[in-house]
Amino acid sequence: MSSVNVTFNLKTAGFANYANQTLTFKLLQVSADKDDSTKPVVLPGIITATSGSDGTGSVALFANAESDIESTFEVIFPNREKGLFKIPLSAVTPGTITLAELLVDHVPGGSDAPQSSVYDAAVAYSIQRANHTGSLTLDSLPNGSITGTLAVANGGTNASSASAARTSLDAQEQKDVLDDLGALSAPDSDGQIIVATGAGAFNYESGATARTSLGAQEQKDVLDDLGALSAPASDGQFIVATGAGTFNYESGATARTSLGLGTIATQALDSVNIDGGAIDGTVIGANNAAAVTGTTITASTKFAGAIDGTVGATTPAAGTFTSINVSDGNITNAGDINCDSISADDAATGLNVIFDGTDTGDNKITLTDNLASALDITESTNSYLKFTTTDSGEKVVIGKALDISGATTAAAVTGTNVLASAQSGYNTGGTITQGTSITTAVSLDQPSGVITLFANDFGANSATSFTLSNNFIDINDVVVASFKTGHSQLTLTVTATANNSCTFTLYNPTGSGTGSITAVINFAIIKTSTT
């Protein structure tokens, strides 16, 4: 089907964009297109297009190019003005033309034919132009002459239906209720009230029927029953219901029984005897503190508030408490404290156990005899230090690495026998490589280490020496050395020891040289004492 894309750009009289406005295009004559595979017959109809935020838009309109007849359209603008134009046959091939060009150059009857300003029928009913300053007369407009909505600020409802108008105006529909009330006939007696009897229905009610609807009780029978009583016989009598439809006078114990008071109602304020039951939410001694005396005072949960004085003042006795909070105070003069654990109140402050006995032997921790683990110092499941008191097998087991050192110098480990069940040695050391020759001195300040010597051919019957500088060595120490990598003809000895140094000598007592080899020496320092 042949069509042309018609573009448009709407502006107000102030040349501002006329955004989001609907244009209506109406085809005015029947047309046909037999070249289309569907061979359509196009009947007169309406196509709409809406302008964008910048006032521009477009619409595809049918062009009857096959019959060489120009399709005629009527365009209706948002302010109800309209205009006529034809789709020129020349526009079919390019495919696009502007609405302004159609309204100026392609008007039926020629470009000099005037465009109608508003609907003729509207003019007959005195609708004045939208840009006029006068008033708009709507008295005799036929139904359907006005479309769209009118804003509330301009006197409208901003809606196109009754329900939408009520929503816009925040109004409540009363029509159904008024219609239902209007269905009532005129009241036929004094005192009637209007009562809803169901969905959409009302009725008149009075008397017993109205009381039933109101949930009210008629008092006539009660007054008759009370009227059956004789005059009261004594001061302080109560009127008490004694059965269905009967009342009687009661006083004293009879009235208390009817009221369910019991004997406590007769006790004086300063002489109340409670022999059982429970007292909830009551403050004892609120205005004047008083002693609470009892053979046994049991708290099902805890005592709240302060307990002053001595518990068990004359005959101290054991007490059981769920918990005791002394608010950072002190517990003093305690003999033996039996407990499951002692922990820090504040983890940031920690726990400080102070042994402040002034005489030798006062401060001690006493272990139980003959236990495989009498005391175990742990972290989670890791044992750091465990004391065994098993008979003939007493020992202290150190479960983690033991670092015995002073502030700046190594500390001594003293004992009759210091034995290692697995390994004994250093966990620190170092390495050094000899410099320019086999006799060049090397320096390594570690208690143990590895020295890589300069490559050398140790000749027949030769002795070669070099010095190790090491501030761990004292003059009385023993430096133990061995080859890590050597030669079957070589031997190694420490031929001199001094403060902070020692001398290594390599011998080749054989009659032939070793050839060029790179020897590697392991060493360790053993501390000695002359006292």
Protein backbone atom coordinates (compact mmCIF):
# COMPACT_ATOMS: atom_id res chain seq x y z
CA MET A 1 0.00 0.00 0.00
CA SER A 2 1.43 3.39 -0.97
CA SER A 3 2.07 5.77 1.91
CA VAL A 4 3.87 9.06 2.56
CA ASN A 5 5.64 10.04 5.81
CA VAL A 6 4.29 13.45 6.88
CA THR A 7 6.41 15.30 9.47
CA PHE A 8 5.26 18.25 11.59
CA ASN A 9 6.59 20.76 14.14
CA LEU A 10 4.01 22.41 16.47
CA LYS A 11 4.66 25.80 18.03
CA THR A 12 2.53 28.06 20.22
CA ALA A 13 1.93 31.69 19.33
CA GLY A 14 4.97 32.49 21.45
CA PHE A 15 6.99 30.08 19.25
CA ALA A 16 7.48 27.65 22.10
CA ASN A 17 7.31 23.87 21.61
CA TYR A 18 3.74 22.54 21.65
CA ALA A 19 4.60 19.22 23.33
CA ASN A 20 2.54 16.06 23.80
CA GLN A 21 -0.38 17.22 21.63
CA THR A 22 -2.54 14.93 19.46
CA LEU A 23 -3.28 15.70 15.79
CA THR A 24 -6.15 13.87 14.03
CA PHE A 25 -5.87 13.13 10.29
CA LYS A 26 -9.15 12.15 8.51
CA LEU A 27 -9.14 10.60 4.99
CA LEU A 28 -12.09 12.16 3.13
CA GLN A 29 -12.59 9.86 0.09
CA VAL A 30 -12.55 6.17 -0.80
CA SER A 31 -9.38 5.07 -2.56
CA ALA A 32 -7.96 1.83 -3.94
CA ASP A 33 -4.55 0.32 -4.68
CA LYS A 34 -4.69 -2.68 -7.04
CA ASP A 35 -0.89 -2.86 -7.34
CA ASP A 36 -0.64 -4.00 -3.72
CA SER A 37 -0.63 -7.81 -3.38
CA THR A 38 -3.64 -7.53 -1.05
CA LYS A 39 -5.41 -5.08 -3.43
CA PRO A 40 -6.94 -3.03 -0.59
CA VAL A 41 -9.85 -0.63 -0.79
CA VAL A 42 -9.08 2.18 1.66
CA LEU A 43 -12.19 3.64 3.30
CA PRO A 44 -12.33 7.09 4.91
CA GLY A 45 -10.99 6.89 8.45
CA ILE A 46 -8.94 8.58 11.15
CA ILE A 47 -5.24 8.37 12.02
CA THR A 48 -3.72 10.17 15.03
CA ALA A 49 -0.19 11.33 15.86
CA THR A 50 1.24 12.89 19.03
CA SER A 51 3.98 15.50 19.19
CA GLY A 52 7.08 14.83 21.26
CA SER A 53 8.57 17.02 24.00
CA ASP A 54 10.12 19.24 21.29
CA GLY A 55 6.80 19.65 19.43
CA THR A 56 7.82 17.44 16.50
CA GLY A 57 6.26 14.25 15.19
CA SER A 58 5.35 12.27 12.12
CA VAL A 59 2.55 10.14 10.64
CA ALA A 60 2.24 7.74 7.67
CA LEU A 61 -0.70 8.76 5.38
CA PHE A 62 -2.15 6.80 2.45
CA ALA A 63 -1.25 8.14 -1.03
CA ASN A 64 -3.42 6.91 -3.95
CA ALA A 65 -0.65 6.91 -6.55
CA GLU A 66 -1.96 3.93 -8.50
CA SER A 67 -5.10 5.73 -9.70
CA ASP A 68 -3.31 9.07 -10.13
CA ILE A 69 -5.74 10.61 -7.69
CA GLU A 70 -4.41 12.70 -4.82
CA SER A 71 -5.73 11.53 -1.42
CA THR A 72 -7.51 14.33 0.45
CA PHE A 73 -7.14 14.63 4.26
CA GLU A 74 -8.58 16.88 6.94
CA VAL A 75 -6.27 17.63 9.88
CA ILE A 76 -7.74 18.59 13.26
CA PHE A 77 -5.34 20.43 15.62
CA PRO A 78 -5.32 20.30 19.47
CA ASN A 79 -7.22 23.62 19.74
CA ARG A 80 -9.92 22.14 17.44
CA GLU A 81 -8.85 24.15 14.39
CA LYS A 82 -8.77 22.15 11.15
CA GLY A 83 -7.31 22.33 7.67
CA LEU A 84 -7.54 20.48 4.32
CA PHE A 85 -4.72 19.22 2.12
CA LYS A 86 -4.01 16.68 -0.61
CA ILE A 87 -1.13 14.21 -0.82
CA PRO A 88 0.64 15.23 -4.07
CA LEU A 89 1.65 12.40 -6.39
CA SER A 90 5.16 13.85 -6.48
CA ALA A 91 5.56 13.09 -2.75
CA VAL A 92 5.10 9.33 -3.20
CA THR A 93 8.53 8.74 -4.74
CA PRO A 94 10.61 10.77 -2.22
CA GLY A 95 8.41 9.33 0.55
CA THR A 96 8.50 12.33 3.02
CA ILE A 97 6.82 15.77 3.07
CA THR A 98 6.11 18.33 5.82
CA LEU A 99 2.62 19.16 7.07
CA ALA A 100 3.43 22.87 6.68
CA GLU A 101 4.16 22.35 2.96
CA LEU A 102 0.87 20.41 2.51
CA LEU A 103 -1.20 23.16 4.20
CA VAL A 104 0.42 25.91 2.13
CA ASP A 105 1.04 24.41 -1.32
CA HIS A 106 -1.40 21.51 -1.58
CA VAL A 107 -4.77 22.91 -0.49
CA PRO A 108 -7.89 21.75 -2.40
CA GLY A 109 -8.97 24.64 -4.66
CA GLY A 110 -5.48 26.09 -4.79
CA SER A 111 -3.12 27.73 -2.39
CA ASP A 112 -5.29 30.83 -2.26
CA ALA A 113 -8.25 28.90 -0.79
CA PRO A 114 -8.55 29.83 2.92
CA GLN A 115 -8.25 27.18 5.63
CA SER A 116 -11.21 26.98 8.06
CA SER A 117 -10.32 28.31 11.50
CA VAL A 118 -12.62 26.18 13.70
CA TYR A 119 -15.46 23.72 13.26
CA ASP A 120 -18.38 25.45 11.56
CA ALA A 121 -20.82 23.94 14.03
CA ALA A 122 -18.81 25.33 16.90
CA VAL A 123 -18.92 28.82 15.43
CA ALA A 124 -22.69 28.56 15.38
CA TYR A 125 -22.62 28.11 19.14
CA SER A 126 -20.42 31.12 19.83
CA ILE A 127 -17.25 29.29 20.88
CA GLN A 128 -14.61 31.97 20.92
CA ARG A 129 -11.00 31.31 19.95
CA ALA A 130 -8.70 29.89 22.67
CA ASN A 131 -6.41 32.87 22.41
CA HIS A 132 -9.30 35.32 22.90
CA THR A 133 -9.56 37.26 26.16
CA GLY A 134 -13.36 36.94 26.43
CA SER A 135 -15.47 34.19 27.98
CA LEU A 136 -16.38 30.83 26.42
CA THR A 137 -20.12 30.10 26.05
CA LEU A 138 -21.05 26.38 26.36
CA ASP A 139 -24.82 26.72 26.97
CA SER A 140 -26.10 25.27 23.71
CA LEU A 141 -23.26 22.99 22.60
CA PRO A 142 -24.53 19.58 21.42
CA ASN A 143 -23.31 16.43 23.15
CA GLY A 144 -19.87 15.36 21.98
CA SER A 145 -18.81 18.79 20.75
CA ILE A 146 -16.14 19.07 23.46
CA THR A 147 -13.52 16.34 24.08
CA GLY A 148 -10.56 16.00 26.42
CA THR A 149 -10.34 17.17 30.05
CA LEU A 150 -10.21 20.52 31.81
CA ALA A 151 -7.80 21.10 34.71
CA VAL A 152 -9.17 21.76 38.21
CA ALA A 153 -7.31 25.09 38.27
CA ASN A 154 -9.39 26.15 35.24
CA GLY A 155 -12.69 25.14 36.80
CA GLY A 156 -12.77 21.56 35.50
CA THR A 157 -12.42 18.11 37.07
CA ASN A 158 -9.27 16.97 35.23
CA ALA A 159 -11.19 13.78 34.39
CA SER A 160 -13.38 12.19 31.73
CA SER A 161 -15.59 10.04 34.01
CA ALA A 162 -17.60 10.52 37.20
CA SER A 163 -15.46 8.18 39.29
CA ALA A 164 -12.23 9.75 38.01
CA ALA A 165 -13.67 13.22 38.74
CA ARG A 166 -14.49 12.23 42.34
CA THR A 167 -10.92 10.95 42.75
CA SER A 168 -9.47 14.15 41.26
CA LEU A 169 -11.66 16.33 43.51
CA ASP A 170 -11.18 14.05 46.57
CA ALA A 171 -14.99 13.72 46.75
CA GLN A 172 -17.05 10.81 48.08
CA GLU A 173 -19.95 9.38 46.09
CA GLN A 174 -23.19 9.67 48.03
CA LYS A 175 -25.60 8.69 45.27
CA ASP A 176 -26.23 5.10 46.38
CA VAL A 177 -26.86 6.01 50.05
CA LEU A 178 -29.20 8.86 49.10
CA ASP A 179 -31.07 6.60 46.68
CA ASP A 180 -31.48 3.95 49.39
CA LEU A 181 -32.72 6.54 51.92
CA GLY A 182 -35.06 7.94 49.26
CA ALA A 183 -36.78 4.54 49.03
CA LEU A 184 -38.17 4.98 52.58
CA SER A 185 -41.75 6.12 52.98
CA ALA A 186 -42.66 8.93 55.37
CA PRO A 187 -42.31 7.98 59.11
CA ASP A 188 -45.63 6.89 60.65
CA SER A 189 -44.94 7.42 64.37
CA ASP A 190 -42.97 9.51 66.84
CA GLY A 191 -39.55 8.24 68.02
CA GLN A 192 -38.72 6.10 65.02
CA ILE A 193 -35.07 5.87 63.95
CA ILE A 194 -33.60 4.91 60.57
CA VAL A 195 -31.65 1.62 60.78
CA ALA A 196 -29.73 -0.18 58.04
CA THR A 197 -31.29 -3.62 57.58
CA GLY A 198 -28.97 -4.98 54.86
CA ALA A 199 -26.95 -4.07 51.77
CA GLY A 200 -28.68 -1.06 50.17
CA ALA A 201 -31.74 -1.13 52.50
CA PHE A 202 -32.99 1.02 55.40
CA ASN A 203 -36.09 0.75 57.64
CA TYR A 204 -37.83 2.57 60.49
CA GLU A 205 -37.54 0.98 63.95
CA SER A 206 -38.69 1.89 67.44
CA GLY A 207 -39.10 0.33 70.86
CA ALA A 208 -37.83 -3.23 71.37
CA THR A 209 -36.80 -3.58 67.71
CA ALA A 210 -34.58 -0.48 67.93
CA ARG A 211 -33.08 -1.66 71.23
CA THR A 212 -32.16 -4.98 69.62
CA SER A 213 -30.44 -3.17 66.71
CA LEU A 214 -28.60 -0.94 69.19
CA GLY A 215 -27.61 -3.86 71.45
CA ALA A 216 -29.39 -2.13 74.34
CA GLN A 217 -31.31 -3.80 77.18
CA GLU A 218 -34.75 -2.76 78.31
CA GLN A 219 -34.67 -1.67 81.95
CA LYS A 220 -38.36 -2.11 82.71
CA ASP A 221 -38.06 -5.68 84.09
CA VAL A 222 -35.12 -4.73 86.35
CA LEU A 223 -37.06 -1.81 87.82
CA ASP A 224 -40.01 -4.09 88.48
CA ASP A 225 -37.74 -6.54 90.33
CA LEU A 226 -36.19 -3.77 92.41
CA GLY A 227 -39.66 -2.44 93.17
CA ALA A 228 -40.48 -5.76 94.82
CA LEU A 229 -37.98 -4.99 97.64
CA SER A 230 -39.30 -3.65 100.91
CA ALA A 231 -37.75 -0.61 102.58
CA PRO A 232 -34.16 -1.22 103.92
CA ALA A 233 -34.09 -2.30 107.55
CA SER A 234 -30.62 -1.11 108.64
CA ASP A 235 -27.71 1.15 107.74
CA GLY A 236 -25.04 -0.21 105.35
CA GLN A 237 -27.16 -2.81 103.60
CA PHE A 238 -26.39 -3.73 99.95
CA ILE A 239 -28.87 -4.67 97.29
CA VAL A 240 -27.64 -8.03 95.94
CA ALA A 241 -29.12 -10.23 93.19
CA THR A 242 -30.04 -13.56 94.78
CA GLY A 243 -31.48 -15.29 91.73
CA ALA A 244 -33.26 -14.79 88.43
CA GLY A 245 -35.52 -11.72 88.81
CA THR A 246 -34.95 -11.34 92.59
CA PHE A 247 -32.99 -8.95 94.80
CA ASN A 248 -32.37 -8.90 98.54
CA TYR A 249 -30.67 -6.77 101.18
CA GLU A 250 -27.36 -8.05 102.59
CA SER A 251 -24.80 -6.69 105.07
CA GLY A 252 -21.75 -7.83 107.05
CA ALA A 253 -20.38 -11.30 106.43
CA THR A 254 -23.23 -12.15 104.00
CA ALA A 255 -22.40 -9.17 101.75
CA ARG A 256 -18.66 -9.97 101.92
CA THR A 257 -19.37 -13.53 100.79
CA SER A 258 -21.49 -12.26 97.88
CA LEU A 259 -18.69 -9.88 96.91
CA GLY A 260 -16.05 -12.63 97.26
CA LEU A 261 -13.96 -10.59 99.72
CA GLY A 262 -13.16 -13.17 102.34
CA THR A 263 -11.93 -12.39 105.84
CA ILE A 264 -9.08 -10.10 104.71
CA ALA A 265 -11.63 -7.34 104.16
CA THR A 266 -12.09 -7.04 107.94
CA GLN A 267 -8.35 -6.67 108.80
CA ALA A 268 -7.00 -3.27 109.79
CA LEU A 269 -4.30 -1.48 107.78
CA ASP A 270 -1.68 -1.97 110.49
CA SER A 271 -2.63 -5.55 111.31
CA VAL A 272 -2.86 -7.69 108.19
CA ASN A 273 -2.36 -11.43 108.48
CA ILE A 274 -1.69 -13.23 105.18
CA ASP A 275 -1.60 -17.00 105.60
CA GLY A 276 -1.18 -18.07 101.98
CA GLY A 277 -1.32 -17.15 98.32
CA ALA A 278 1.04 -14.92 96.36
CA ILE A 279 1.94 -11.21 96.51
CA ASP A 280 2.87 -9.83 93.08
CA GLY A 281 4.21 -6.40 92.15
CA THR A 282 4.18 -5.10 95.74
CA VAL A 283 6.82 -2.86 97.35
CA ILE A 284 7.50 -3.64 101.01
CA GLY A 285 8.74 -0.68 103.01
CA ALA A 286 8.26 1.85 100.21
CA ASN A 287 7.73 4.80 102.60
CA ASN A 288 9.13 3.33 105.83
CA ALA A 289 11.67 0.54 105.63
CA ALA A 290 10.69 -2.41 107.77
CA ALA A 291 12.10 -5.83 108.56
CA VAL A 292 10.85 -8.82 106.62
CA THR A 293 10.72 -11.77 108.99
CA GLY A 294 10.18 -15.36 108.02
CA THR A 295 11.38 -18.87 108.67
CA THR A 296 12.25 -19.31 105.00
CA ILE A 297 12.30 -16.61 102.31
CA THR A 298 12.60 -18.14 98.85
CA ALA A 299 13.11 -16.19 95.65
CA SER A 300 12.06 -18.14 92.55
CA THR A 301 14.42 -16.08 90.36
CA LYS A 302 16.51 -13.52 92.25
CA PHE A 303 16.49 -10.75 94.85
CA ALA A 304 16.29 -7.32 93.20
CA GLY A 305 17.70 -4.15 94.68
CA ALA A 306 20.13 -3.84 97.61
CA ILE A 307 20.54 -6.30 100.50
CA ASP A 308 22.14 -4.37 103.35
CA GLY A 309 23.57 -5.70 106.56
CA THR A 310 24.69 -9.27 107.28
CA VAL A 311 22.96 -12.32 105.89
CA GLY A 312 22.71 -14.74 108.80
CA ALA A 313 23.57 -12.05 111.38
CA THR A 314 23.26 -14.17 114.49
CA THR A 315 23.59 -17.64 112.99
CA PRO A 316 25.53 -17.46 109.71
CA ALA A 317 24.31 -20.06 107.26
CA ALA A 318 25.12 -21.08 103.74
CA GLY A 319 23.20 -19.30 101.03
CA THR A 320 22.57 -20.30 97.43
CA PHE A 321 22.62 -17.64 94.76
CA THR A 322 22.22 -17.85 90.99
CA SER A 323 24.65 -14.94 90.63
CA ILE A 324 26.18 -12.19 92.76
CA ASN A 325 27.18 -8.80 91.32
CA VAL A 326 29.21 -6.62 93.70
CA SER A 327 29.47 -3.76 91.16
CA ASP A 328 33.29 -3.69 91.04
CA GLY A 329 33.46 -3.89 94.83
CA ASN A 330 35.59 -6.34 96.80
CA ILE A 331 34.90 -9.66 98.43
CA THR A 332 37.06 -9.64 101.56
CA ASN A 333 37.90 -11.95 104.44
CA ALA A 334 36.84 -15.05 102.54
CA GLY A 335 38.12 -18.42 103.68
CA ASP A 336 37.78 -20.94 100.87
CA ILE A 337 36.07 -20.10 97.54
CA ASN A 338 34.74 -23.12 95.65
CA CYS A 339 33.95 -22.33 92.02
CA ASP A 340 34.10 -23.80 88.53
CA SER A 341 36.13 -21.04 86.86
CA ILE A 342 37.56 -17.55 87.33
CA SER A 343 37.50 -15.24 84.30
CA ALA A 344 38.12 -11.58 83.55
CA ASP A 345 35.13 -9.24 83.92
CA ASP A 346 36.49 -7.02 81.11
CA ALA A 347 38.56 -8.67 78.38
CA ALA A 348 40.27 -5.34 77.65
CA THR A 349 41.45 -5.14 81.29
CA GLY A 350 42.24 -8.82 81.66
CA LEU A 351 42.70 -10.89 84.81
CA ASN A 352 45.44 -10.29 87.37
CA VAL A 353 46.00 -12.95 90.07
CA ILE A 354 48.19 -11.34 92.75
CA PHE A 355 50.38 -13.51 95.01
CA ASP A 356 51.19 -10.96 97.71
CA GLY A 357 52.28 -13.19 100.61
CA THR A 358 55.18 -11.58 102.50
CA ASP A 359 56.74 -14.75 103.95
CA THR A 360 58.64 -17.39 102.02
CA GLY A 361 56.36 -20.28 101.14
CA ASP A 362 53.13 -18.30 101.48
CA ASN A 363 52.53 -18.04 97.73
CA LYS A 364 51.97 -21.38 96.05
CA ILE A 365 49.67 -23.46 93.85
CA THR A 366 48.98 -26.87 95.35
CA LEU A 367 48.41 -29.77 92.94
CA THR A 368 46.58 -33.04 93.58
CA ASP A 369 48.86 -36.07 93.95
CA ASN A 370 49.11 -39.00 91.55
CA LEU A 371 47.44 -37.47 88.49
CA ALA A 372 48.67 -37.80 84.90
CA SER A 373 47.51 -34.19 84.35
CA ALA A 374 47.33 -32.39 87.69
CA LEU A 375 47.52 -28.96 86.01
CA ASP A 376 47.31 -28.23 82.28
CA ILE A 377 47.79 -24.74 80.87
CA THR A 378 46.00 -24.77 77.52
CA GLU A 379 44.70 -22.69 74.64
CA SER A 380 41.65 -24.43 73.21
CA THR A 381 42.84 -28.06 72.83
CA ASN A 382 46.54 -27.10 72.67
CA SER A 383 48.56 -27.91 75.81
CA TYR A 384 51.33 -25.42 76.51
CA LEU A 385 52.47 -26.60 79.95
CA LYS A 386 51.31 -29.71 81.78
CA PHE A 387 52.22 -30.94 85.29
CA THR A 388 52.17 -34.68 85.95
CA THR A 389 52.08 -35.86 89.61
CA THR A 390 51.89 -39.59 88.92
CA ASP A 391 53.86 -41.44 91.60
CA SER A 392 57.45 -42.15 90.42
CA GLY A 393 56.64 -40.38 87.14
CA GLU A 394 56.44 -36.74 88.15
CA LYS A 395 57.35 -34.34 85.37
CA VAL A 396 56.60 -31.03 83.65
CA VAL A 397 55.73 -31.39 79.96
CA ILE A 398 56.36 -28.36 77.75
CA GLY A 399 54.02 -28.75 74.79
CA LYS A 400 55.22 -25.80 72.68
CA ALA A 401 58.57 -24.29 71.69
CA LEU A 402 60.54 -23.02 74.70
CA ASP A 403 62.35 -19.72 74.24
CA ILE A 404 64.72 -19.05 77.13
CA SER A 405 66.39 -15.70 76.68
CA GLY A 406 67.22 -12.55 78.56
CA ALA A 407 66.66 -9.01 77.41
CA THR A 408 69.86 -8.79 75.36
CA THR A 409 71.88 -11.96 75.99
CA ALA A 410 71.05 -15.64 76.03
CA ALA A 411 70.00 -17.01 79.40
CA ALA A 412 71.52 -20.13 80.90
CA VAL A 413 69.71 -23.43 81.20
CA THR A 414 71.10 -25.12 84.34
CA GLY A 415 70.63 -28.72 85.39
CA THR A 416 72.43 -31.87 86.44
CA ASN A 417 71.45 -33.50 83.15
CA VAL A 418 70.07 -31.44 80.26
CA LEU A 419 68.88 -34.04 77.77
CA ALA A 420 67.15 -33.77 74.38
CA SER A 421 64.95 -36.70 73.45
CA ALA A 422 65.04 -35.82 69.74
CA GLN A 423 67.18 -32.89 68.56
CA SER A 424 69.51 -30.41 70.21
CA GLY A 425 70.90 -27.41 68.41
CA TYR A 426 70.21 -23.91 67.19
CA ASN A 427 67.13 -22.62 65.43
CA THR A 428 69.05 -19.59 64.12
CA GLY A 429 72.11 -19.44 61.89
CA GLY A 430 73.45 -17.99 58.68
CA THR A 431 75.57 -18.49 55.55
CA ILE A 432 78.69 -16.74 54.19
CA THR A 433 80.82 -17.17 51.05
CA GLN A 434 84.59 -16.60 51.18
CA GLY A 435 85.92 -13.72 49.10
CA THR A 436 88.99 -13.53 46.90
CA SER A 437 91.16 -16.45 48.13
CA ILE A 438 91.19 -19.53 50.34
CA THR A 439 92.88 -17.53 53.13
CA THR A 440 90.50 -14.56 53.10
CA ALA A 441 88.83 -14.03 56.48
CA VAL A 442 85.02 -14.30 56.68
CA SER A 443 82.55 -12.72 59.14
CA LEU A 444 79.26 -14.27 60.32
CA ASP A 445 77.65 -13.30 63.66
CA GLN A 446 75.46 -16.38 64.23
CA PRO A 447 75.66 -19.28 66.74
CA SER A 448 75.80 -21.70 63.81
CA GLY A 449 76.15 -21.54 60.07
CA VAL A 450 77.57 -22.63 56.74
CA ILE A 451 80.78 -21.27 55.12
CA THR A 452 81.35 -21.74 51.38
CA LEU A 453 85.14 -21.52 50.69
CA PHE A 454 86.87 -20.00 47.70
CA ALA A 455 87.69 -22.57 44.99
CA ASN A 456 91.20 -23.93 45.62
CA ASP A 457 93.65 -26.74 44.69
CA PHE A 458 94.98 -28.05 47.98
CA GLY A 459 98.54 -29.18 47.19
CA ALA A 460 100.33 -32.30 48.46
CA ASN A 461 101.34 -32.16 52.16
CA SER A 462 99.81 -28.66 52.55
CA ALA A 463 97.98 -26.78 55.34
CA THR A 464 95.71 -23.81 54.61
CA SER A 465 94.11 -21.58 57.29
CA PHE A 466 91.53 -18.73 57.42
CA THR A 467 89.81 -16.77 60.22
CA LEU A 468 86.08 -16.66 61.11
CA SER A 469 85.00 -13.45 62.88
CA ASN A 470 81.91 -14.14 65.09
CA ASN A 471 80.83 -12.15 68.15
CA PHE A 472 79.07 -15.26 69.58
CA ILE A 473 82.48 -16.91 70.21
CA ASP A 474 84.17 -16.57 73.60
CA ILE A 475 87.76 -17.67 74.19
CA ASN A 476 86.71 -20.70 76.26
CA ASP A 477 84.02 -21.92 73.83
CA VAL A 478 84.20 -25.00 71.67
CA VAL A 479 83.63 -24.47 67.94
CA VAL A 480 82.57 -27.70 66.24
CA ALA A 481 83.18 -27.91 62.48
CA SER A 482 82.72 -30.51 59.73
CA PHE A 483 82.71 -30.70 55.96
CA LYS A 484 79.38 -30.31 54.21
CA THR A 485 81.30 -30.66 50.93
CA GLY A 486 84.99 -31.59 51.06
CA HIS A 487 87.54 -34.05 49.64
CA SER A 488 88.69 -37.49 50.74
CA GLN A 489 92.30 -36.17 51.11
CA LEU A 490 91.30 -33.18 53.30
CA THR A 491 90.90 -32.90 57.07
CA LEU A 492 89.43 -29.93 58.99
CA THR A 493 90.29 -28.67 62.49
CA VAL A 494 89.79 -25.54 64.60
CA THR A 495 93.33 -24.59 65.45
CA ALA A 496 92.70 -21.46 67.57
CA THR A 497 89.84 -19.85 69.53
CA ALA A 498 89.70 -16.24 70.75
CA ASN A 499 87.07 -13.75 71.85
CA ASN A 500 84.87 -13.11 68.78
CA SER A 501 86.89 -15.33 66.38
CA CYS A 502 88.40 -18.71 65.60
CA THR A 503 90.80 -20.20 63.02
CA PHE A 504 89.97 -23.09 60.69
CA THR A 505 92.85 -25.16 59.14
CA LEU A 506 92.45 -27.53 56.21
CA TYR A 507 95.16 -30.25 55.79
CA ASN A 508 96.14 -32.37 52.81
CA PRO A 509 98.63 -34.88 54.23
CA THR A 510 98.79 -36.94 51.05
CA GLY A 511 101.39 -36.86 48.29
CA SER A 512 99.07 -35.45 45.62
CA GLY A 513 96.97 -32.36 45.18
CA THR A 514 93.15 -32.33 45.31
CA GLY A 515 92.63 -30.37 42.16
CA SER A 516 90.38 -27.26 42.25
CA ILE A 517 87.46 -27.87 44.64
CA THR A 518 84.94 -25.66 46.45
CA ALA A 519 84.73 -26.88 50.04
CA VAL A 520 81.73 -26.10 52.27
CA ILE A 521 82.02 -26.12 56.09
CA ASN A 522 79.27 -26.50 58.76
CA PHE A 523 80.00 -25.05 62.22
CA ALA A 524 78.30 -24.63 65.61
CA ILE A 525 79.40 -22.96 68.86
CA ILE A 526 79.19 -24.77 72.20
CA LYS A 527 79.34 -22.50 75.23
CA THR A 528 81.63 -23.51 78.14
CA SER A 529 82.24 -22.30 81.65
CA THR A 530 85.35 -22.22 83.86
CA THR A 531 83.40 -21.98 87.11
